[in-house]
Amino acid sequence: MKIIKVTHTLLALVSGVLLIGYGGWDDSPGAQGIGLLTIIGSIILIVSMYRNSRKVKDLR
């Protein structure tokens, strides 16, 4: 289950980068904003998953 979560989060990160690139090419600030929010959300999810996995290891 965790592999699926990490894979989907990384795919969201890549799609955010692609959205920023497309928004810059198309001169669309909305697409760039959505891409930026997607990247920020993906980074927050990756950090929280990493912290939660470290907490579980410390409890064992």
Foldseek 3Di string as FASTA:
>chain_A
DVVVVLVVLVVLLVVLVVQLVVCVVVVNVVSPVVSVVSNVVSVVVVVVVVVVVVVVVVVD
